[in-house]
Amino acid sequence: MKNYRSAMGKNVDMGALLAKNENTRAVGNMKVNARGDTIDSQGRVIKPVTAKVNQSYANTVGNRSANAVRGRPAPAKPVTPKPEIKEELTPMEIELEESFEDDLEIEKIKAEELNKGKK
């Protein structure tokens, strides 16, 4: 963190001050220490700040794979085989493919004629 100069001219290291007092009970009615951990009346940590951050992130992000999980890993999803595609075409499909090929040849010829006309 940064060093600040007080009104009296003394240097104050905010990082060192925070590290020194991170387990001290914070002033207010939130029942937390200076670090942000939830504490009980004796000052023992009930819920660490990292658990709170992970919980709020899990509530915000809907994707379960993005959430922090401790312990066992998520079970792997079974892979379903892809259905096989039949290679045999019906007579109507064969005729349709041939008409597409004919249309492509006609378009190529038109493009060549158009290019010759521009030159």
PDB file of N, CA and C in Angstrom:
ATOM      1  N   MET A   1       0.835  -1.180   0.000  1.00  0.00           N
ATOM      2  CA  MET A   1       0.000   0.000   0.000  1.00  0.00           C
ATOM      3  C   MET A   1       0.878   1.241   0.000  1.00  0.00           C
ATOM      4  N   LYS A   2       0.262   2.346   0.176  1.00  0.00           N
ATOM      5  CA  LYS A   2       0.952   3.610   0.050  1.00  0.00           C
ATOM      6  C   LYS A   2       1.298   4.186   1.426  1.00  0.00           C
ATOM      7  N   ASN A   3       2.370   4.928   1.465  1.00  0.00           N
ATOM      8  CA  ASN A   3       2.737   5.673   2.666  1.00  0.00           C
ATOM      9  C   ASN A   3       2.102   7.052   2.590  1.00  0.00           C
ATOM     10  N   TYR A   4       1.472   7.484   3.687  1.00  0.00           N
ATOM     11  CA  TYR A   4       0.832   8.790   3.755  1.00  0.00           C
ATOM     12  C   TYR A   4       1.555   9.639   4.797  1.00  0.00           C
ATOM     13  N   ARG A   5       1.469  10.944   4.666  1.00  0.00           N
ATOM     14  CA  ARG A   5       2.018  11.868   5.645  1.00  0.00           C
ATOM     15  C   ARG A   5       0.843  12.475   6.408  1.00  0.00           C
ATOM     16  N   SER A   6       0.881  12.358   7.712  1.00  0.00           N
ATOM     17  CA  SER A   6      -0.210  12.872   8.541  1.00  0.00           C
ATOM     18  C   SER A   6      -0.129  14.394   8.627  1.00  0.00           C
ATOM     19  N   ALA A   7      -1.147  14.994   9.240  1.00  0.00           N
ATOM     20  CA  ALA A   7      -1.167  16.450   9.415  1.00  0.00           C
ATOM     21  C   ALA A   7      -0.042  16.906  10.336  1.00  0.00           C
ATOM     22  N   MET A   8       0.409  16.010  11.206  1.00  0.00           N
ATOM     23  CA  MET A   8       1.509  16.338  12.126  1.00  0.00           C
ATOM     24  C   MET A   8       2.877  16.098  11.482  1.00  0.00           C
ATOM     25  N   GLY A   9       2.900  15.609  10.241  1.00  0.00           N
ATOM     26  CA  GLY A   9       4.147  15.404   9.526  1.00  0.00           C
ATOM     27  C   GLY A   9       4.736  14.006   9.670  1.00  0.00           C
ATOM     28  N   LYS A  10       4.023  13.072  10.315  1.00  0.00           N
ATOM     29  CA  LYS A  10       4.530  11.709  10.491  1.00  0.00           C
ATOM     30  C   LYS A  10       4.147  10.850   9.294  1.00  0.00           C
ATOM     31  N   ASN A  11       5.002   9.894   8.927  1.00  0.00           N
ATOM     32  CA  ASN A  11       4.701   8.950   7.852  1.00  0.00           C
ATOM     33  C   ASN A  11       3.864   7.803   8.410  1.00  0.00           C
ATOM     34  N   VAL A  12       2.791   7.442   7.703  1.00  0.00           N
ATOM     35  CA  VAL A  12       1.915   6.348   8.114  1.00  0.00           C
ATOM     36  C   VAL A  12       1.875   5.333   6.981  1.00  0.00           C
ATOM     37  N   ASP A  13       2.321   4.097   7.240  1.00  0.00           N
ATOM     38  CA  ASP A  13       2.285   3.007   6.265  1.00  0.00           C
ATOM     39  C   ASP A  13       0.957   2.278   6.432  1.00  0.00           C
ATOM     40  N   MET A  14       0.024   2.490   5.507  1.00  0.00           N
ATOM     41  CA  MET A  14      -1.325   1.919   5.635  1.00  0.00           C
ATOM     42  C   MET A  14      -1.303   0.401   5.496  1.00  0.00           C
ATOM     43  N   GLY A  15      -0.417  -0.155   4.692  1.00  0.00           N
ATOM     44  CA  GLY A  15      -0.329  -1.607   4.532  1.00  0.00           C
ATOM     45  C   GLY A  15       0.098  -2.292   5.815  1.00  0.00           C
ATOM     46  N   ALA A  16       1.096  -1.726   6.469  1.00  0.00           N
ATOM     47  CA  ALA A  16       1.567  -2.303   7.728  1.00  0.00           C
ATOM     48  C   ALA A  16       0.509  -2.161   8.813  1.00  0.00           C
ATOM     49  N   LEU A  17      -0.192  -1.024   8.826  1.00  0.00           N
ATOM     50  CA  LEU A  17      -1.243  -0.801   9.815  1.00  0.00           C
ATOM     51  C   LEU A  17      -2.389  -1.783   9.627  1.00  0.00           C
ATOM     52  N   LEU A  18      -2.754  -2.043   8.398  1.00  0.00           N
ATOM     53  CA  LEU A  18      -3.820  -2.999   8.107  1.00  0.00           C
ATOM     54  C   LEU A  18      -3.406  -4.417   8.489  1.00  0.00           C
ATOM     55  N   ALA A  19      -2.185  -4.806   8.144  1.00  0.00           N
ATOM     56  CA  ALA A  19      -1.704  -6.155   8.465  1.00  0.00           C
ATOM     57  C   ALA A  19      -1.611  -6.365   9.975  1.00  0.00           C
ATOM     58  N   LYS A  20      -1.239  -5.329  10.689  1.00  0.00           N
ATOM     59  CA  LYS A  20      -1.095  -5.427  12.137  1.00  0.00           C
ATOM     60  C   LYS A  20      -2.445  -5.613  12.830  1.00  0.00           C
ATOM     61  N   ASN A  21      -3.488  -4.991  12.289  1.00  0.00           N
ATOM     62  CA  ASN A  21      -4.794  -4.972  12.953  1.00  0.00           C
ATOM     63  C   ASN A  21      -5.873  -5.764  12.217  1.00  0.00           C
ATOM     64  N   GLU A  22      -5.501  -6.692  11.341  1.00  0.00           N
ATOM     65  CA  GLU A  22      -6.526  -7.374  10.550  1.00  0.00           C
ATOM     66  C   GLU A  22      -7.409  -8.301  11.377  1.00  0.00           C
ATOM     67  N   ASN A  23      -6.973  -8.739  12.545  1.00  0.00           N
ATOM     68  CA  ASN A  23      -7.804  -9.589  13.398  1.00  0.00           C
ATOM     69  C   ASN A  23      -8.538  -8.808  14.478  1.00  0.00           C
ATOM     70  N   THR A  24      -8.417  -7.485  14.486  1.00  0.00           N
ATOM     71  CA  THR A  24      -9.086  -6.642  15.470  1.00  0.00           C
ATOM     72  C   THR A  24     -10.535  -6.441  15.058  1.00  0.00           C
ATOM     73  N   ARG A  25     -11.426  -6.468  16.047  1.00  0.00           N
ATOM     74  CA  ARG A  25     -12.853  -6.281  15.789  1.00  0.00           C
ATOM     75  C   ARG A  25     -13.084  -4.882  15.204  1.00  0.00           C
ATOM     76  N   ALA A  26     -13.845  -4.808  14.122  1.00  0.00           N
ATOM     77  CA  ALA A  26     -14.119  -3.540  13.465  1.00  0.00           C
ATOM     78  C   ALA A  26     -15.186  -2.768  14.235  1.00  0.00           C
ATOM     79  N   VAL A  27     -15.133  -1.462  14.152  1.00  0.00           N
ATOM     80  CA  VAL A  27     -16.114  -0.613  14.821  1.00  0.00           C
ATOM     81  C   VAL A  27     -17.386  -0.627  13.993  1.00  0.00           C
ATOM     82  N   GLY A  28     -18.512  -0.835  14.641  1.00  0.00           N
ATOM     83  CA  GLY A  28     -19.802  -0.837  13.964  1.00  0.00           C
ATOM     84  C   GLY A  28     -20.646  -1.996  14.428  1.00  0.00           C
ATOM     85  N   ASN A  29     -21.724  -2.244  13.747  1.00  0.00           N
ATOM     86  CA  ASN A  29     -22.656  -3.287  14.164  1.00  0.00           C
ATOM     87  C   ASN A  29     -22.673  -4.491  13.233  1.00  0.00           C
ATOM     88  N   MET A  30     -21.607  -4.709  12.442  1.00  0.00           N
ATOM     89  CA  MET A  30     -21.605  -5.800  11.464  1.00  0.00           C
ATOM     90  C   MET A  30     -21.003  -7.100  11.972  1.00  0.00           C
ATOM     91  N   LYS A  31     -20.360  -7.125  13.130  1.00  0.00           N
ATOM     92  CA  LYS A  31     -19.732  -8.325  13.690  1.00  0.00           C
ATOM     93  C   LYS A  31     -18.688  -8.914  12.742  1.00  0.00           C
ATOM     94  N   VAL A  32     -17.765  -8.057  12.316  1.00  0.00           N
ATOM     95  CA  VAL A  32     -16.662  -8.481  11.457  1.00  0.00           C
ATOM     96  C   VAL A  32     -15.359  -7.931  12.023  1.00  0.00           C
ATOM     97  N   ASN A  33     -14.247  -8.537  11.612  1.00  0.00           N
ATOM     98  CA  ASN A  33     -12.949  -7.966  11.962  1.00  0.00           C
ATOM     99  C   ASN A  33     -12.504  -7.051  10.830  1.00  0.00           C
ATOM    100  N   ALA A  34     -11.330  -6.455  10.966  1.00  0.00           N
ATOM    101  CA  ALA A  34     -10.861  -5.488   9.969  1.00  0.00           C
ATOM    102  C   ALA A  34     -10.633  -6.133   8.605  1.00  0.00           C
ATOM    103  N   ARG A  35     -10.379  -7.417   8.583  1.00  0.00           N
ATOM    104  CA  ARG A  35     -10.166  -8.130   7.328  1.00  0.00           C
ATOM    105  C   ARG A  35     -11.473  -8.386   6.591  1.00  0.00           C
ATOM    106  N   GLY A  36     -12.586  -8.503   7.334  1.00  0.00           N
ATOM    107  CA  GLY A  36     -13.887  -8.757   6.728  1.00  0.00           C
ATOM    108  C   GLY A  36     -14.469 -10.092   7.115  1.00  0.00           C
ATOM    109  N   ASP A  37     -13.758 -10.893   7.937  1.00  0.00           N
ATOM    110  CA  ASP A  37     -14.276 -12.186   8.389  1.00  0.00           C
ATOM    111  C   ASP A  37     -15.440 -11.964   9.360  1.00  0.00           C
ATOM    112  N   THR A  38     -16.476 -12.785   9.274  1.00  0.00           N
ATOM    113  CA  THR A  38     -17.558 -12.743  10.253  1.00  0.00           C
ATOM    114  C   THR A  38     -17.049 -13.384  11.538  1.00  0.00           C
ATOM    115  N   ILE A  39     -17.243 -12.686  12.672  1.00  0.00           N
ATOM    116  CA  ILE A  39     -16.717 -13.184  13.943  1.00  0.00           C
ATOM    117  C   ILE A  39     -17.836 -13.268  14.973  1.00  0.00           C
ATOM    118  N   ASP A  40     -17.602 -14.068  16.034  1.00  0.00           N
ATOM    119  CA  ASP A  40     -18.564 -14.157  17.131  1.00  0.00           C
ATOM    120  C   ASP A  40     -18.185 -13.161  18.220  1.00  0.00           C
ATOM    121  N   SER A  41     -18.861 -13.222  19.371  1.00  0.00           N
ATOM    122  CA  SER A  41     -18.621 -12.248  20.433  1.00  0.00           C
ATOM    123  C   SER A  41     -17.231 -12.378  21.057  1.00  0.00           C
ATOM    124  N   GLN A  42     -16.594 -13.559  20.959  1.00  0.00           N
ATOM    125  CA  GLN A  42     -15.243 -13.725  21.485  1.00  0.00           C
ATOM    126  C   GLN A  42     -14.158 -13.377  20.462  1.00  0.00           C
ATOM    127  N   GLY A  43     -14.516 -13.038  19.254  1.00  0.00           N
ATOM    128  CA  GLY A  43     -13.551 -12.673  18.230  1.00  0.00           C
ATOM    129  C   GLY A  43     -13.086 -13.836  17.382  1.00  0.00           C
ATOM    130  N   ARG A  44     -13.721 -15.025  17.525  1.00  0.00           N
ATOM    131  CA  ARG A  44     -13.347 -16.185  16.712  1.00  0.00           C
ATOM    132  C   ARG A  44     -14.018 -16.079  15.337  1.00  0.00           C
ATOM    133  N   VAL A  45     -13.286 -16.474  14.321  1.00  0.00           N
ATOM    134  CA  VAL A  45     -13.793 -16.388  12.947  1.00  0.00           C
ATOM    135  C   VAL A  45     -14.850 -17.455  12.725  1.00  0.00           C
ATOM    136  N   ILE A  46     -16.043 -17.024  12.319  1.00  0.00           N
ATOM    137  CA  ILE A  46     -17.140 -17.944  11.993  1.00  0.00           C
ATOM    138  C   ILE A  46     -17.134 -18.253  10.500  1.00  0.00           C
ATOM    139  N   LYS A  47     -17.025 -17.204   9.698  1.00  0.00           N
ATOM    140  CA  LYS A  47     -17.023 -17.375   8.240  1.00  0.00           C
ATOM    141  C   LYS A  47     -15.943 -16.468   7.653  1.00  0.00           C
ATOM    142  N   PRO A  48     -14.904 -17.058   7.025  1.00  0.00           N
ATOM    143  CA  PRO A  48     -13.841 -16.220   6.454  1.00  0.00           C
ATOM    144  C   PRO A  48     -14.332 -15.400   5.263  1.00  0.00           C
ATOM    145  N   VAL A  49     -13.649 -14.306   5.012  1.00  0.00           N
ATOM    146  CA  VAL A  49     -14.038 -13.409   3.936  1.00  0.00           C
ATOM    147  C   VAL A  49     -13.948 -14.103   2.575  1.00  0.00           C
ATOM    148  N   THR A  50     -13.005 -15.042   2.413  1.00  0.00           N
ATOM    149  CA  THR A  50     -12.886 -15.738   1.125  1.00  0.00           C
ATOM    150  C   THR A  50     -14.128 -16.575   0.839  1.00  0.00           C
ATOM    151  N   ALA A  51     -14.706 -17.179   1.877  1.00  0.00           N
ATOM    152  CA  ALA A  51     -15.939 -17.958   1.687  1.00  0.00           C
ATOM    153  C   ALA A  51     -17.091 -17.041   1.302  1.00  0.00           C
ATOM    154  N   LYS A  52     -17.124 -15.841   1.883  1.00  0.00           N
ATOM    155  CA  LYS A  52     -18.178 -14.879   1.534  1.00  0.00           C
ATOM    156  C   LYS A  52     -18.054 -14.434   0.078  1.00  0.00           C
ATOM    157  N   VAL A  53     -16.821 -14.177  -0.343  1.00  0.00           N
ATOM    158  CA  VAL A  53     -16.597 -13.744  -1.729  1.00  0.00           C
ATOM    159  C   VAL A  53     -16.985 -14.854  -2.697  1.00  0.00           C
ATOM    160  N   ASN A  54     -16.580 -16.101  -2.392  1.00  0.00           N
ATOM    161  CA  ASN A  54     -16.942 -17.229  -3.264  1.00  0.00           C
ATOM    162  C   ASN A  54     -18.445 -17.417  -3.337  1.00  0.00           C
ATOM    163  N   GLN A  55     -19.148 -17.236  -2.225  1.00  0.00           N
ATOM    164  CA  GLN A  55     -20.606 -17.396  -2.211  1.00  0.00           C
ATOM    165  C   GLN A  55     -21.278 -16.302  -3.023  1.00  0.00           C
ATOM    166  N   SER A  56     -20.825 -15.056  -2.884  1.00  0.00           N
ATOM    167  CA  SER A  56     -21.453 -13.979  -3.655  1.00  0.00           C
ATOM    168  C   SER A  56     -21.167 -14.143  -5.144  1.00  0.00           C
ATOM    169  N   TYR A  57     -19.966 -14.638  -5.487  1.00  0.00           N
ATOM    170  CA  TYR A  57     -19.653 -14.897  -6.898  1.00  0.00           C
ATOM    171  C   TYR A  57     -20.531 -16.021  -7.445  1.00  0.00           C
ATOM    172  N   ALA A  58     -20.745 -17.063  -6.636  1.00  0.00           N
ATOM    173  CA  ALA A  58     -21.594 -18.170  -7.081  1.00  0.00           C
ATOM    174  C   ALA A  58     -23.021 -17.707  -7.283  1.00  0.00           C
ATOM    175  N   ASN A  59     -23.485 -16.769  -6.472  1.00  0.00           N
ATOM    176  CA  ASN A  59     -24.842 -16.240  -6.640  1.00  0.00           C
ATOM    177  C   ASN A  59     -24.948 -15.380  -7.886  1.00  0.00           C
ATOM    178  N   THR A  60     -23.868 -14.707  -8.258  1.00  0.00           N
ATOM    179  CA  THR A  60     -23.886 -13.827  -9.414  1.00  0.00           C
ATOM    180  C   THR A  60     -23.748 -14.607 -10.716  1.00  0.00           C
ATOM    181  N   VAL A  61     -22.829 -15.566 -10.752  1.00  0.00           N
ATOM    182  CA  VAL A  61     -22.549 -16.328 -11.960  1.00  0.00           C
ATOM    183  C   VAL A  61     -23.411 -17.581 -11.957  1.00  0.00           C
ATOM    184  N   GLY A  62     -24.166 -17.797 -13.034  1.00  0.00           N
ATOM    185  CA  GLY A  62     -25.045 -18.953 -13.099  1.00  0.00           C
ATOM    186  C   GLY A  62     -24.346 -20.233 -13.521  1.00  0.00           C
ATOM    187  N   ASN A  63     -23.153 -20.118 -14.093  1.00  0.00           N
ATOM    188  CA  ASN A  63     -22.432 -21.281 -14.603  1.00  0.00           C
ATOM    189  C   ASN A  63     -21.780 -22.032 -13.449  1.00  0.00           C
ATOM    190  N   ARG A  64     -22.149 -23.273 -13.221  1.00  0.00           N
ATOM    191  CA  ARG A  64     -21.611 -24.043 -12.108  1.00  0.00           C
ATOM    192  C   ARG A  64     -20.127 -24.332 -12.273  1.00  0.00           C
ATOM    193  N   SER A  65     -19.645 -24.451 -13.497  1.00  0.00           N
ATOM    194  CA  SER A  65     -18.237 -24.769 -13.698  1.00  0.00           C
ATOM    195  C   SER A  65     -17.344 -23.583 -13.357  1.00  0.00           C
ATOM    196  N   ALA A  66     -17.890 -22.372 -13.311  1.00  0.00           N
ATOM    197  CA  ALA A  66     -17.101 -21.196 -12.973  1.00  0.00           C
ATOM    198  C   ALA A  66     -16.972 -21.001 -11.473  1.00  0.00           C
ATOM    199  N   ASN A  67     -17.777 -21.700 -10.685  1.00  0.00           N
ATOM    200  CA  ASN A  67     -17.763 -21.517  -9.239  1.00  0.00           C
ATOM    201  C   ASN A  67     -16.645 -22.313  -8.590  1.00  0.00           C
ATOM    202  N   ALA A  68     -16.120 -21.766  -7.508  1.00  0.00           N
ATOM    203  CA  ALA A  68     -15.039 -22.425  -6.770  1.00  0.00           C
ATOM    204  C   ALA A  68     -15.597 -23.606  -5.987  1.00  0.00           C
ATOM    205  N   VAL A  69     -14.990 -24.765  -6.150  1.00  0.00           N
ATOM    206  CA  VAL A  69     -15.429 -25.965  -5.444  1.00  0.00           C
ATOM    207  C   VAL A  69     -14.209 -26.556  -4.757  1.00  0.00           C
ATOM    208  N   ARG A  70     -14.348 -26.849  -3.472  1.00  0.00           N
ATOM    209  CA  ARG A  70     -13.247 -27.475  -2.747  1.00  0.00           C
ATOM    210  C   ARG A  70     -13.577 -28.941  -2.542  1.00  0.00           C
ATOM    211  N   GLY A  71     -12.553 -29.757  -2.498  1.00  0.00           N
ATOM    212  CA  GLY A  71     -12.765 -31.185  -2.260  1.00  0.00           C
ATOM    213  C   GLY A  71     -12.759 -31.964  -3.551  1.00  0.00           C
ATOM    214  N   ARG A  72     -13.796 -32.721  -3.761  1.00  0.00           N
ATOM    215  CA  ARG A  72     -13.841 -33.614  -4.919  1.00  0.00           C
ATOM    216  C   ARG A  72     -14.142 -32.849  -6.208  1.00  0.00           C
ATOM    217  N   PRO A  73     -13.582 -33.282  -7.309  1.00  0.00           N
ATOM    218  CA  PRO A  73     -13.866 -32.640  -8.590  1.00  0.00           C
ATOM    219  C   PRO A  73     -15.248 -33.042  -9.099  1.00  0.00           C
ATOM    220  N   ALA A  74     -15.761 -32.258  -9.995  1.00  0.00           N
ATOM    221  CA  ALA A  74     -17.076 -32.539 -10.580  1.00  0.00           C
ATOM    222  C   ALA A  74     -17.007 -33.820 -11.406  1.00  0.00           C
ATOM    223  N   PRO A  75     -18.065 -34.644 -11.365  1.00  0.00           N
ATOM    224  CA  PRO A  75     -18.050 -35.877 -12.160  1.00  0.00           C
ATOM    225  C   PRO A  75     -18.070 -35.562 -13.650  1.00  0.00           C
ATOM    226  N   ALA A  76     -17.370 -36.370 -14.401  1.00  0.00           N
ATOM    227  CA  ALA A  76     -17.302 -36.179 -15.850  1.00  0.00           C
ATOM    228  C   ALA A  76     -18.631 -36.592 -16.483  1.00  0.00           C
ATOM    229  N   LYS A  77     -19.053 -35.821 -17.478  1.00  0.00           N
ATOM    230  CA  LYS A  77     -20.289 -36.133 -18.172  1.00  0.00           C
ATOM    231  C   LYS A  77     -20.043 -37.279 -19.152  1.00  0.00           C
ATOM    232  N   PRO A  78     -20.977 -38.226 -19.244  1.00  0.00           N
ATOM    233  CA  PRO A  78     -20.788 -39.312 -20.205  1.00  0.00           C
ATOM    234  C   PRO A  78     -20.898 -38.781 -21.633  1.00  0.00           C
ATOM    235  N   VAL A  79     -20.051 -39.283 -22.491  1.00  0.00           N
ATOM    236  CA  VAL A  79     -20.041 -38.859 -23.881  1.00  0.00           C
ATOM    237  C   VAL A  79     -21.014 -39.726 -24.664  1.00  0.00           C
ATOM    238  N   THR A  80     -21.955 -39.081 -25.324  1.00  0.00           N
ATOM    239  CA  THR A  80     -22.916 -39.818 -26.134  1.00  0.00           C
ATOM    240  C   THR A  80     -22.365 -39.939 -27.549  1.00  0.00           C
ATOM    241  N   PRO A  81     -22.443 -41.130 -28.133  1.00  0.00           N
ATOM    242  CA  PRO A  81     -21.929 -41.289 -29.498  1.00  0.00           C
ATOM    243  C   PRO A  81     -22.818 -40.554 -30.497  1.00  0.00           C
ATOM    244  N   LYS A  82     -22.182 -40.029 -31.529  1.00  0.00           N
ATOM    245  CA  LYS A  82     -22.936 -39.324 -32.563  1.00  0.00           C
ATOM    246  C   LYS A  82     -23.649 -40.347 -33.440  1.00  0.00           C
ATOM    247  N   PRO A  83     -24.872 -40.037 -33.866  1.00  0.00           N
ATOM    248  CA  PRO A  83     -25.590 -40.982 -34.721  1.00  0.00           C
ATOM    249  C   PRO A  83     -24.916 -41.084 -36.090  1.00  0.00           C
ATOM    250  N   GLU A  84     -24.945 -42.273 -36.633  1.00  0.00           N
ATOM    251  CA  GLU A  84     -24.344 -42.488 -37.947  1.00  0.00           C
ATOM    252  C   GLU A  84     -25.266 -41.956 -39.036  1.00  0.00           C
ATOM    253  N   ILE A  85     -24.656 -41.365 -40.051  1.00  0.00           N
ATOM    254  CA  ILE A  85     -25.426 -40.785 -41.146  1.00  0.00           C
ATOM    255  C   ILE A  85     -25.411 -41.770 -42.309  1.00  0.00           C
ATOM    256  N   LYS A  86     -26.580 -42.017 -42.840  1.00  0.00           N
ATOM    257  CA  LYS A  86     -26.680 -42.917 -43.982  1.00  0.00           C
ATOM    258  C   LYS A  86     -26.118 -42.215 -45.213  1.00  0.00           C
ATOM    259  N   GLU A  87     -25.332 -42.931 -45.984  1.00  0.00           N
ATOM    260  CA  GLU A  87     -24.731 -42.386 -47.194  1.00  0.00           C
ATOM    261  C   GLU A  87     -25.626 -42.584 -48.409  1.00  0.00           C
ATOM    262  N   GLU A  88     -26.605 -43.437 -48.303  1.00  0.00           N
ATOM    263  CA  GLU A  88     -27.477 -43.699 -49.449  1.00  0.00           C
ATOM    264  C   GLU A  88     -28.504 -42.573 -49.578  1.00  0.00           C
ATOM    265  N   LEU A  89     -28.655 -42.089 -50.807  1.00  0.00           N
ATOM    266  CA  LEU A  89     -29.602 -41.024 -51.071  1.00  0.00           C
ATOM    267  C   LEU A  89     -30.805 -41.572 -51.821  1.00  0.00           C
ATOM    268  N   THR A  90     -31.918 -40.945 -51.570  1.00  0.00           N
ATOM    269  CA  THR A  90     -33.136 -41.331 -52.293  1.00  0.00           C
ATOM    270  C   THR A  90     -33.039 -40.745 -53.704  1.00  0.00           C
ATOM    271  N   PRO A  91     -33.848 -41.260 -54.642  1.00  0.00           N
ATOM    272  CA  PRO A  91     -33.818 -40.719 -56.016  1.00  0.00           C
ATOM    273  C   PRO A  91     -34.122 -39.220 -56.072  1.00  0.00           C
ATOM    274  N   MET A  92     -34.990 -38.741 -55.195  1.00  0.00           N
ATOM    275  CA  MET A  92     -35.322 -37.308 -55.173  1.00  0.00           C
ATOM    276  C   MET A  92     -34.111 -36.487 -54.721  1.00  0.00           C
ATOM    277  N   GLU A  93     -33.371 -36.985 -53.720  1.00  0.00           N
ATOM    278  CA  GLU A  93     -32.191 -36.278 -53.232  1.00  0.00           C
ATOM    279  C   GLU A  93     -31.085 -36.251 -54.289  1.00  0.00           C
ATOM    280  N   ILE A  94     -30.935 -37.356 -55.022  1.00  0.00           N
ATOM    281  CA  ILE A  94     -29.930 -37.409 -56.087  1.00  0.00           C
ATOM    282  C   ILE A  94     -30.264 -36.391 -57.170  1.00  0.00           C
ATOM    283  N   GLU A  95     -31.526 -36.303 -57.553  1.00  0.00           N
ATOM    284  CA  GLU A  95     -31.957 -35.361 -58.573  1.00  0.00           C
ATOM    285  C   GLU A  95     -31.739 -33.915 -58.105  1.00  0.00           C
ATOM    286  N   LEU A  96     -31.998 -33.661 -56.834  1.00  0.00           N
ATOM    287  CA  LEU A  96     -31.810 -32.325 -56.277  1.00  0.00           C
ATOM    288  C   LEU A  96     -30.329 -31.934 -56.280  1.00  0.00           C
ATOM    289  N   GLU A  97     -29.451 -32.857 -55.901  1.00  0.00           N
ATOM    290  CA  GLU A  97     -28.016 -32.574 -55.916  1.00  0.00           C
ATOM    291  C   GLU A  97     -27.526 -32.299 -57.334  1.00  0.00           C
ATOM    292  N   GLU A  98     -28.007 -33.070 -58.283  1.00  0.00           N
ATOM    293  CA  GLU A  98     -27.605 -32.856 -59.674  1.00  0.00           C
ATOM    294  C   GLU A  98     -28.062 -31.487 -60.172  1.00  0.00           C
ATOM    295  N   SER A  99     -29.258 -31.070 -59.749  1.00  0.00           N
ATOM    296  CA  SER A  99     -29.745 -29.759 -60.185  1.00  0.00           C
ATOM    297  C   SER A  99     -28.895 -28.646 -59.556  1.00  0.00           C
ATOM    298  N   PHE A 100     -28.429 -28.844 -58.305  1.00  0.00           N
ATOM    299  CA  PHE A 100     -27.535 -27.865 -57.685  1.00  0.00           C
ATOM    300  C   PHE A 100     -26.219 -27.768 -58.459  1.00  0.00           C
ATOM    301  N   GLU A 101     -25.684 -28.921 -58.861  1.00  0.00           N
ATOM    302  CA  GLU A 101     -24.438 -28.924 -59.618  1.00  0.00           C
ATOM    303  C   GLU A 101     -24.619 -28.208 -60.949  1.00  0.00           C
ATOM    304  N   ASP A 102     -25.759 -28.436 -61.595  1.00  0.00           N
ATOM    305  CA  ASP A 102     -26.039 -27.757 -62.860  1.00  0.00           C
ATOM    306  C   ASP A 102     -26.137 -26.245 -62.646  1.00  0.00           C
ATOM    307  N   ASP A 103     -26.806 -25.846 -61.576  1.00  0.00           N
ATOM    308  CA  ASP A 103     -26.936 -24.411 -61.284  1.00  0.00           C
ATOM    309  C   ASP A 103     -25.569 -23.780 -61.046  1.00  0.00           C
ATOM    310  N   LEU A 104     -24.675 -24.492 -60.345  1.00  0.00           N
ATOM    311  CA  LEU A 104     -23.334 -23.968 -60.106  1.00  0.00           C
ATOM    312  C   LEU A 104     -22.568 -23.789 -61.410  1.00  0.00           C
ATOM    313  N   GLU A 105     -22.681 -24.750 -62.323  1.00  0.00           N
ATOM    314  CA  GLU A 105     -21.994 -24.643 -63.617  1.00  0.00           C
ATOM    315  C   GLU A 105     -22.530 -23.455 -64.407  1.00  0.00           C
ATOM    316  N   ILE A 106     -23.823 -23.251 -64.362  1.00  0.00           N
ATOM    317  CA  ILE A 106     -24.430 -22.135 -65.095  1.00  0.00           C
ATOM    318  C   ILE A 106     -23.932 -20.807 -64.522  1.00  0.00           C
ATOM    319  N   GLU A 107     -23.848 -20.708 -63.193  1.00  0.00           N
ATOM    320  CA  GLU A 107     -23.370 -19.476 -62.552  1.00  0.00           C
ATOM    321  C   GLU A 107     -21.908 -19.203 -62.910  1.00  0.00           C
ATOM    322  N   LYS A 108     -21.083 -20.258 -62.987  1.00  0.00           N
ATOM    323  CA  LYS A 108     -19.683 -20.082 -63.371  1.00  0.00           C
ATOM    324  C   LYS A 108     -19.586 -19.550 -64.798  1.00  0.00           C
ATOM    325  N   ILE A 109     -20.380 -20.109 -65.704  1.00  0.00           N
ATOM    326  CA  ILE A 109     -20.354 -19.665 -67.103  1.00  0.00           C
ATOM    327  C   ILE A 109     -20.794 -18.218 -67.206  1.00  0.00           C
ATOM    328  N   LYS A 110     -21.842 -17.837 -66.461  1.00  0.00           N
ATOM    329  CA  LYS A 110     -22.318 -16.446 -66.483  1.00  0.00           C
ATOM    330  C   LYS A 110     -21.233 -15.502 -65.971  1.00  0.00           C
ATOM    331  N   ALA A 111     -20.519 -15.894 -64.908  1.00  0.00           N
ATOM    332  CA  ALA A 111     -19.464 -15.051 -64.347  1.00  0.00           C
ATOM    333  C   ALA A 111     -18.325 -14.888 -65.344  1.00  0.00           C
ATOM    334  N   GLU A 112     -17.971 -15.968 -66.054  1.00  0.00           N
ATOM    335  CA  GLU A 112     -16.904 -15.878 -67.055  1.00  0.00           C
ATOM    336  C   GLU A 112     -17.307 -14.963 -68.197  1.00  0.00           C
ATOM    337  N   GLU A 113     -18.546 -15.057 -68.650  1.00  0.00           N
ATOM    338  CA  GLU A 113     -19.031 -14.208 -69.743  1.00  0.00           C
ATOM    339  C   GLU A 113     -19.053 -12.747 -69.305  1.00  0.00           C
ATOM    340  N   LEU A 114     -19.418 -12.499 -68.047  1.00  0.00           N
ATOM    341  CA  LEU A 114     -19.467 -11.151 -67.530  1.00  0.00           C
ATOM    342  C   LEU A 114     -18.070 -10.556 -67.442  1.00  0.00           C
ATOM    343  N   ASN A 115     -17.080 -11.370 -67.039  1.00  0.00           N
ATOM    344  CA  ASN A 115     -15.689 -10.922 -66.958  1.00  0.00           C
ATOM    345  C   ASN A 115     -15.119 -10.645 -68.354  1.00  0.00           C
ATOM    346  N   LYS A 116     -15.488 -11.447 -69.357  1.00  0.00           N
ATOM    347  CA  LYS A 116     -15.015 -11.230 -70.711  1.00  0.00           C
ATOM    348  C   LYS A 116     -15.583  -9.953 -71.266  1.00  0.00           C
ATOM    349  N   GLY A 117     -16.826  -9.640 -70.934  1.00  0.00           N
ATOM    350  CA  GLY A 117     -17.489  -8.431 -71.434  1.00  0.00           C
ATOM    351  C   GLY A 117     -16.875  -7.173 -70.834  1.00  0.00           C
ATOM    352  N   LYS A 118     -16.361  -7.224 -69.641  1.00  0.00           N
ATOM    353  CA  LYS A 118     -15.772  -6.062 -68.980  1.00  0.00           C
ATOM    354  C   LYS A 118     -14.376  -5.748 -69.520  1.00  0.00           C
ATOM    355  N   LYS A 119     -13.658  -6.739 -70.043  1.00  0.00           N
ATOM    356  CA  LYS A 119     -12.296  -6.531 -70.528  1.00  0.00           C
ATOM    357  C   LYS A 119     -12.275  -5.836 -71.812  1.00  0.00           C
TER     358      LYS A 119
END
